Amino acid sequence: MSVARKKRARTTRKLIILILVVSIITGICCMVLFWKVHILNEALQNAAEQMDEIKEQLSKQQELLEEIIRMNDTSSIITEEEVYDGADEEQSAQETSEVVEAEHKVYLTFDDGPSKYTQEILDILDEYQVKATFFVVGKEDNTSKELLKKIAEEGHSLGMHSYSHKYEEIYESVDSFAADFKELQDYLYDVTGVKSIIYRFPGGSSNVVSKVDMWEFADYLEEQGVTFYDWNISSGDGSSAELPVEDLVANCTKDIKYRNTSIILLHDSGEKRNTVDALPFIIENILALEDTVILPITEETNPVQHIKK
């Protein structure tokens, strides 16, 4: 065999070996890629199944909440009395009679205060001569203390909304809930002289954060002589996106005529400017409804509660 043929033979063998190596490497890469795609498909399928389960749970919770609201609407009893601070006996008796006879009772409730807007809210309420309910948290600066005093002195109801508003700490156990509750109730009494007996759970009693059954906390409140109040109308101002004034007004007023008792959820927060701007229109629309009054929550108020035993 000539030298040239031998070189061609060696070159051919090398080429064949190279092709085989490349083919083997390519085959291995394809197998690895196929396996990774298979794993990814399984992960996506599991994620999709979990999403379906979450959607189903949320749907069931929404249905339950709507049913609870319907039950509260049909079971509302007209027994509340409005208290007018500083009114003479004759006027108080007349106004109380009108309240008892009113078909639709509306409660404006503000969560999370005091805030930089609390004074403005109080001024608006005073302008329309209506009383509201403030579910406050434990803010200890001097401005907040003065606002807490004003809320009580001007005849509004002072409710508790937890001291810290930290869900993970409050709902960790009944003991941690009790400690937070006691701290706020004592603080409000020290500042205002009012021993609050109404409470709103952070996130409402139907929140999905607490791993402890919410009725354990509710039972504790009952032992303290305290009633908790949820809501059956939401303004929508609790979302991260700030709603336009007209949407807030519509959300607060569109369903009142269908209820005997309407507890409206609003927020007294430094991020809720539109809530303050909407408040005069909300009040005017409510007062324009036939046989309707705006009241503060008292111990006589029929509670709206999302959870039932």
Protein backbone atom coordinates (compact mmCIF):
# COMPACT_ATOMS: atom_id res chain seq x y z
CA MET A 1 0.00 0.00 0.00
CA SER A 2 1.38 3.35 -1.01
CA VAL A 3 2.12 6.04 1.51
CA ALA A 4 -0.64 8.24 0.08
CA ARG A 5 -3.25 5.51 0.50
CA LYS A 6 -2.13 4.88 4.05
CA LYS A 7 -2.55 8.57 4.86
CA ARG A 8 -6.01 8.59 3.32
CA ALA A 9 -6.96 5.50 5.36
CA ARG A 10 -5.78 7.09 8.62
CA THR A 11 -7.61 10.29 7.80
CA THR A 12 -10.79 8.34 7.07
CA ARG A 13 -10.55 6.45 10.38
CA LYS A 14 -10.02 9.66 12.28
CA LEU A 15 -13.01 11.20 10.54
CA ILE A 16 -15.17 8.18 11.36
CA ILE A 17 -14.06 8.26 15.00
CA LEU A 18 -14.78 11.99 15.18
CA ILE A 19 -18.24 11.47 13.69
CA LEU A 20 -18.93 8.70 16.22
CA VAL A 21 -17.77 10.86 19.14
CA VAL A 22 -19.86 13.79 17.97
CA SER A 23 -22.86 11.50 17.49
CA ILE A 24 -22.44 10.04 20.98
CA ILE A 25 -22.09 13.49 22.57
CA THR A 26 -25.08 14.76 20.62
CA GLY A 27 -27.09 11.73 21.69
CA ILE A 28 -26.18 12.27 25.34
CA CYS A 29 -27.08 15.97 25.13
CA CYS A 30 -30.41 15.12 23.55
CA MET A 31 -31.14 12.61 26.29
CA VAL A 32 -30.23 15.13 29.01
CA LEU A 33 -32.33 17.81 27.33
CA PHE A 34 -35.25 15.42 26.95
CA TRP A 35 -35.03 14.51 30.63
CA LYS A 36 -34.93 18.15 31.69
CA VAL A 37 -37.93 18.94 29.49
CA HIS A 38 -39.74 15.98 31.05
CA ILE A 39 -38.99 17.25 34.56
CA LEU A 40 -40.06 20.77 33.59
CA ASN A 41 -43.33 19.48 32.15
CA GLU A 42 -44.04 17.59 35.37
CA ALA A 43 -43.29 20.73 37.43
CA LEU A 44 -45.58 22.82 35.24
CA GLN A 45 -48.32 20.23 35.50
CA ASN A 46 -48.01 20.16 39.30
CA ALA A 47 -48.08 23.95 39.40
CA ALA A 48 -51.18 24.00 37.22
CA GLU A 49 -52.89 21.48 39.51
CA GLN A 50 -51.99 23.56 42.56
CA MET A 51 -53.34 26.69 40.88
CA ASP A 52 -56.59 24.88 40.12
CA GLU A 53 -56.86 23.83 43.78
CA ILE A 54 -56.20 27.41 44.95
CA LYS A 55 -58.81 28.76 42.53
CA GLU A 56 -61.30 26.19 43.76
CA GLN A 57 -60.61 27.10 47.41
CA LEU A 58 -60.96 30.83 46.65
CA SER A 59 -64.19 30.17 44.80
CA LYS A 60 -65.58 28.21 47.73
CA GLN A 61 -64.50 30.94 50.16
CA GLN A 62 -66.18 33.61 48.02
CA GLU A 63 -69.38 31.57 47.87
CA LEU A 64 -69.26 31.12 51.65
CA LEU A 65 -68.69 34.83 52.21
CA GLU A 66 -71.60 35.75 49.94
CA GLU A 67 -73.84 33.27 51.75
CA ILE A 68 -72.80 34.71 55.11
CA ILE A 69 -73.58 38.23 53.92
CA ARG A 70 -76.98 37.08 52.64
CA MET A 71 -77.71 35.40 55.98
CA ASN A 72 -76.77 38.57 57.85
CA ASP A 73 -78.92 40.69 55.57
CA THR A 74 -82.00 38.54 56.08
CA SER A 75 -81.49 38.27 59.84
CA SER A 76 -80.89 41.96 60.61
CA ILE A 77 -83.01 43.22 63.51
CA ILE A 78 -83.79 46.88 64.02
CA THR A 79 -82.78 47.39 67.66
CA GLU A 80 -79.94 49.96 67.53
CA GLU A 81 -80.14 53.37 69.23
CA GLU A 82 -78.17 56.42 68.24
CA VAL A 83 -76.47 58.38 71.02
CA TYR A 84 -76.13 62.15 70.58
CA ASP A 85 -73.46 63.63 72.82
CA GLY A 86 -74.65 66.81 74.53
CA ALA A 87 -78.21 66.72 73.12
CA ASP A 88 -81.08 67.60 75.40
CA GLU A 89 -83.52 64.91 76.53
CA GLU A 90 -86.38 65.83 74.24
CA GLN A 91 -84.25 65.97 71.08
CA SER A 92 -82.47 62.74 72.01
CA ALA A 93 -85.76 60.90 72.51
CA GLN A 94 -87.11 62.14 69.19
CA GLU A 95 -83.95 61.20 67.27
CA THR A 96 -83.76 57.81 68.97
CA SER A 97 -87.34 57.10 67.93
CA GLU A 98 -86.52 57.97 64.33
CA VAL A 99 -83.48 55.68 64.40
CA VAL A 100 -85.45 52.74 65.77
CA GLU A 101 -88.03 53.14 63.04
CA ALA A 102 -85.53 53.56 60.19
CA GLU A 103 -85.59 50.64 57.79
CA HIS A 104 -81.97 50.94 56.65
CA LYS A 105 -79.14 51.45 59.12
CA VAL A 106 -75.72 52.30 57.74
CA TYR A 107 -72.43 52.20 59.65
CA LEU A 108 -69.38 53.97 58.27
CA THR A 109 -66.28 52.23 59.64
CA PHE A 110 -62.66 53.31 59.23
CA ASP A 111 -59.78 50.86 59.76
CA ASP A 112 -56.06 51.41 60.48
CA GLY A 113 -56.10 54.94 61.91
CA PRO A 114 -55.28 57.40 63.24
CA SER A 115 -53.58 58.90 60.19
CA LYS A 116 -52.75 62.27 58.70
CA TYR A 117 -56.30 62.31 57.29
CA THR A 118 -58.18 61.55 60.52
CA GLN A 119 -58.82 65.20 61.39
CA GLU A 120 -60.15 65.86 57.89
CA ILE A 121 -62.44 62.84 58.17
CA LEU A 122 -63.70 64.10 61.54
CA ASP A 123 -64.36 67.53 60.06
CA ILE A 124 -66.40 66.03 57.21
CA LEU A 125 -68.42 63.90 59.61
CA ASP A 126 -69.06 66.94 61.78
CA GLU A 127 -70.17 68.98 58.77
CA TYR A 128 -72.86 66.40 57.97
CA GLN A 129 -73.61 65.73 61.66
CA VAL A 130 -73.12 61.98 61.40
CA LYS A 131 -71.20 59.61 63.63
CA ALA A 132 -68.86 56.84 62.48
CA THR A 133 -66.77 54.03 63.92
CA PHE A 134 -62.96 54.03 63.96
CA PHE A 135 -61.20 50.66 64.35
CA VAL A 136 -57.77 51.92 65.38
CA VAL A 137 -54.31 50.46 65.94
CA GLY A 138 -51.66 51.24 68.56
CA LYS A 139 -50.04 54.48 67.43
CA GLU A 140 -48.42 56.26 70.38
CA ASP A 141 -47.17 59.55 68.91
CA ASN A 142 -48.66 62.71 70.41
CA THR A 143 -50.66 63.58 67.28
CA SER A 144 -52.30 60.15 67.26
CA LYS A 145 -53.15 60.44 70.95
CA GLU A 146 -54.89 63.77 70.34
CA LEU A 147 -56.84 62.30 67.42
CA LEU A 148 -57.93 59.30 69.52
CA LYS A 149 -59.24 61.72 72.14
CA LYS A 150 -61.15 63.69 69.48
CA ILE A 151 -62.74 60.54 68.08
CA ALA A 152 -64.13 59.71 71.50
CA GLU A 153 -65.00 63.27 72.53
CA GLU A 154 -66.94 63.95 69.32
CA GLY A 155 -69.22 60.98 69.88
CA HIS A 156 -67.77 58.48 67.42
CA SER A 157 -67.27 54.84 68.39
CA LEU A 158 -63.72 53.78 69.20
CA GLY A 159 -63.07 50.20 68.12
CA MET A 160 -59.98 48.00 68.25
CA HIS A 161 -58.13 46.72 65.18
CA SER A 162 -55.14 45.14 66.98
CA TYR A 163 -52.19 46.97 68.48
CA SER A 164 -49.49 45.94 66.01
CA HIS A 165 -51.53 44.97 62.91
CA LYS A 166 -48.87 42.30 62.27
CA TYR A 167 -50.83 39.27 61.13
CA GLU A 168 -48.11 36.68 61.76
CA GLU A 169 -47.66 37.80 65.37
CA ILE A 170 -51.31 38.40 66.22
CA TYR A 171 -52.58 35.10 64.81
CA GLU A 172 -49.67 32.97 66.01
CA SER A 173 -51.66 31.73 69.01
CA VAL A 174 -54.49 32.72 71.32
CA ASP A 175 -51.89 33.88 73.86
CA SER A 176 -50.20 36.22 71.36
CA PHE A 177 -53.61 37.50 70.25
CA ALA A 178 -54.63 38.11 73.86
CA ALA A 179 -51.42 40.01 74.60
CA ASP A 180 -51.92 42.27 71.57
CA PHE A 181 -55.59 42.81 72.44
CA LYS A 182 -54.86 43.68 76.06
CA GLU A 183 -52.11 46.12 75.07
CA LEU A 184 -54.44 48.04 72.75
CA GLN A 185 -57.47 48.05 75.05
CA ASP A 186 -55.39 49.34 77.96
CA TYR A 187 -53.69 51.94 75.76
CA LEU A 188 -56.98 53.33 74.46
CA TYR A 189 -58.38 53.49 77.99
CA ASP A 190 -55.29 55.33 79.26
CA VAL A 191 -55.46 57.88 76.43
CA THR A 192 -59.22 58.41 76.08
CA GLY A 193 -60.87 56.99 79.20
CA VAL A 194 -62.93 54.70 76.93
CA LYS A 195 -62.84 50.96 77.45
CA SER A 196 -63.49 49.73 73.92
CA ILE A 197 -65.73 46.68 73.59
CA ILE A 198 -65.88 46.37 69.80
CA TYR A 199 -63.22 44.73 67.65
CA ARG A 200 -62.40 44.14 64.00
CA PHE A 201 -59.92 41.42 63.11
CA PRO A 202 -57.07 42.51 60.83
CA GLY A 203 -58.07 41.04 57.47
CA GLY A 204 -61.54 40.30 58.85
CA SER A 205 -62.66 37.10 60.57
CA SER A 206 -62.57 35.36 57.16
CA ASN A 207 -58.87 36.07 56.58
CA VAL A 208 -56.76 33.24 55.14
CA VAL A 209 -53.59 34.13 57.07
CA SER A 210 -54.37 32.64 60.46
CA LYS A 211 -53.50 28.97 60.92
CA VAL A 212 -55.48 29.00 64.18
CA ASP A 213 -59.26 28.60 63.93
CA MET A 214 -60.61 32.16 64.06
CA TRP A 215 -63.34 31.08 66.45
CA GLU A 216 -60.68 30.51 69.11
CA PHE A 217 -59.92 34.23 68.94
CA ALA A 218 -63.63 35.09 68.74
CA ASP A 219 -64.33 33.00 71.85
CA TYR A 220 -61.56 34.84 73.67
CA LEU A 221 -63.13 38.18 72.74
CA GLU A 222 -66.51 36.99 73.98
CA GLU A 223 -64.92 36.07 77.30
CA GLN A 224 -63.70 39.68 77.53
CA GLY A 225 -67.20 41.03 76.82
CA VAL A 226 -66.13 42.20 73.36
CA THR A 227 -68.01 41.72 70.06
CA PHE A 228 -66.26 41.56 66.70
CA TYR A 229 -67.63 43.24 63.58
CA ASP A 230 -66.85 42.47 59.94
CA TRP A 231 -68.50 44.24 57.02
CA ASN A 232 -71.00 43.49 54.25
CA ILE A 233 -70.08 46.42 52.00
CA SER A 234 -66.50 47.15 50.95
CA SER A 235 -65.47 50.47 49.47
CA GLY A 236 -62.59 48.73 47.70
CA ASP A 237 -60.04 51.18 49.12
CA GLY A 238 -58.11 48.35 50.76
CA SER A 239 -56.53 47.28 47.47
CA SER A 240 -53.04 48.40 46.44
CA ALA A 241 -54.46 50.32 43.47
CA GLU A 242 -56.18 53.57 44.44
CA LEU A 243 -59.72 53.59 43.09
CA PRO A 244 -61.24 56.74 41.58
CA VAL A 245 -63.62 58.71 43.79
CA GLU A 246 -66.66 57.78 41.69
CA ASP A 247 -65.89 54.05 42.07
CA LEU A 248 -65.55 54.38 45.84
CA VAL A 249 -68.88 56.20 46.06
CA ALA A 250 -70.63 53.59 43.90
CA ASN A 251 -69.15 50.67 45.88
CA CYS A 252 -70.31 52.16 49.18
CA THR A 253 -73.86 53.05 48.20
CA LYS A 254 -75.18 50.80 45.45
CA ASP A 255 -76.47 47.95 47.67
CA ILE A 256 -77.69 49.78 50.78
CA LYS A 257 -81.34 49.73 49.75
CA TYR A 258 -81.28 45.92 49.75
CA ARG A 259 -80.12 45.65 53.37
CA ASN A 260 -81.49 46.43 56.81
CA THR A 261 -77.95 46.73 58.18
CA SER A 262 -75.03 47.96 56.08
CA ILE A 263 -71.55 48.04 57.62
CA ILE A 264 -69.22 49.78 55.18
CA LEU A 265 -65.48 49.11 55.19
CA LEU A 266 -63.30 52.19 54.64
CA HIS A 267 -59.71 52.96 55.60
CA ASP A 268 -58.22 55.86 57.54
CA SER A 269 -54.72 55.68 56.09
CA GLY A 270 -52.10 58.07 54.79
CA GLU A 271 -52.26 56.31 51.41
CA LYS A 272 -56.04 56.74 50.99
CA ARG A 273 -56.51 60.34 49.84
CA ASN A 274 -59.34 59.37 47.50
CA THR A 275 -61.29 57.88 50.41
CA VAL A 276 -61.32 61.31 52.07
CA ASP A 277 -62.33 63.01 48.82
CA ALA A 278 -65.14 60.49 48.30
CA LEU A 279 -66.51 60.70 51.85
CA PRO A 280 -68.79 63.76 51.38
CA PHE A 281 -70.39 62.19 48.30
CA ILE A 282 -70.80 58.86 50.11
CA ILE A 283 -72.57 60.55 53.02
CA GLU A 284 -74.77 62.69 50.77
CA ASN A 285 -75.84 59.68 48.70
CA ILE A 286 -76.68 57.68 51.81
CA LEU A 287 -78.65 60.48 53.46
CA ALA A 288 -80.58 60.97 50.23
CA LEU A 289 -81.91 57.40 50.44
CA GLU A 290 -85.39 56.95 51.81
CA ASP A 291 -85.78 55.71 55.39
CA THR A 292 -82.01 55.48 55.95
CA VAL A 293 -79.78 56.63 58.83
CA ILE A 294 -76.03 56.65 59.49
CA LEU A 295 -75.02 55.40 62.95
CA PRO A 296 -71.92 54.55 64.97
CA ILE A 297 -71.49 50.93 66.04
CA THR A 298 -72.45 50.34 69.69
CA GLU A 299 -72.82 47.25 71.83
CA GLU A 300 -76.46 47.17 70.70
CA THR A 301 -75.59 46.99 66.99
CA ASN A 302 -76.49 43.75 65.28
CA PRO A 303 -73.08 42.37 64.22
CA VAL A 304 -72.12 41.40 60.71
CA GLN A 305 -69.73 38.46 60.98
CA HIS A 306 -68.18 36.49 58.13
CA ILE A 307 -67.71 33.29 60.11
CA LYS A 308 -70.42 31.23 61.74
CA LYS A 309 -70.26 28.46 64.28
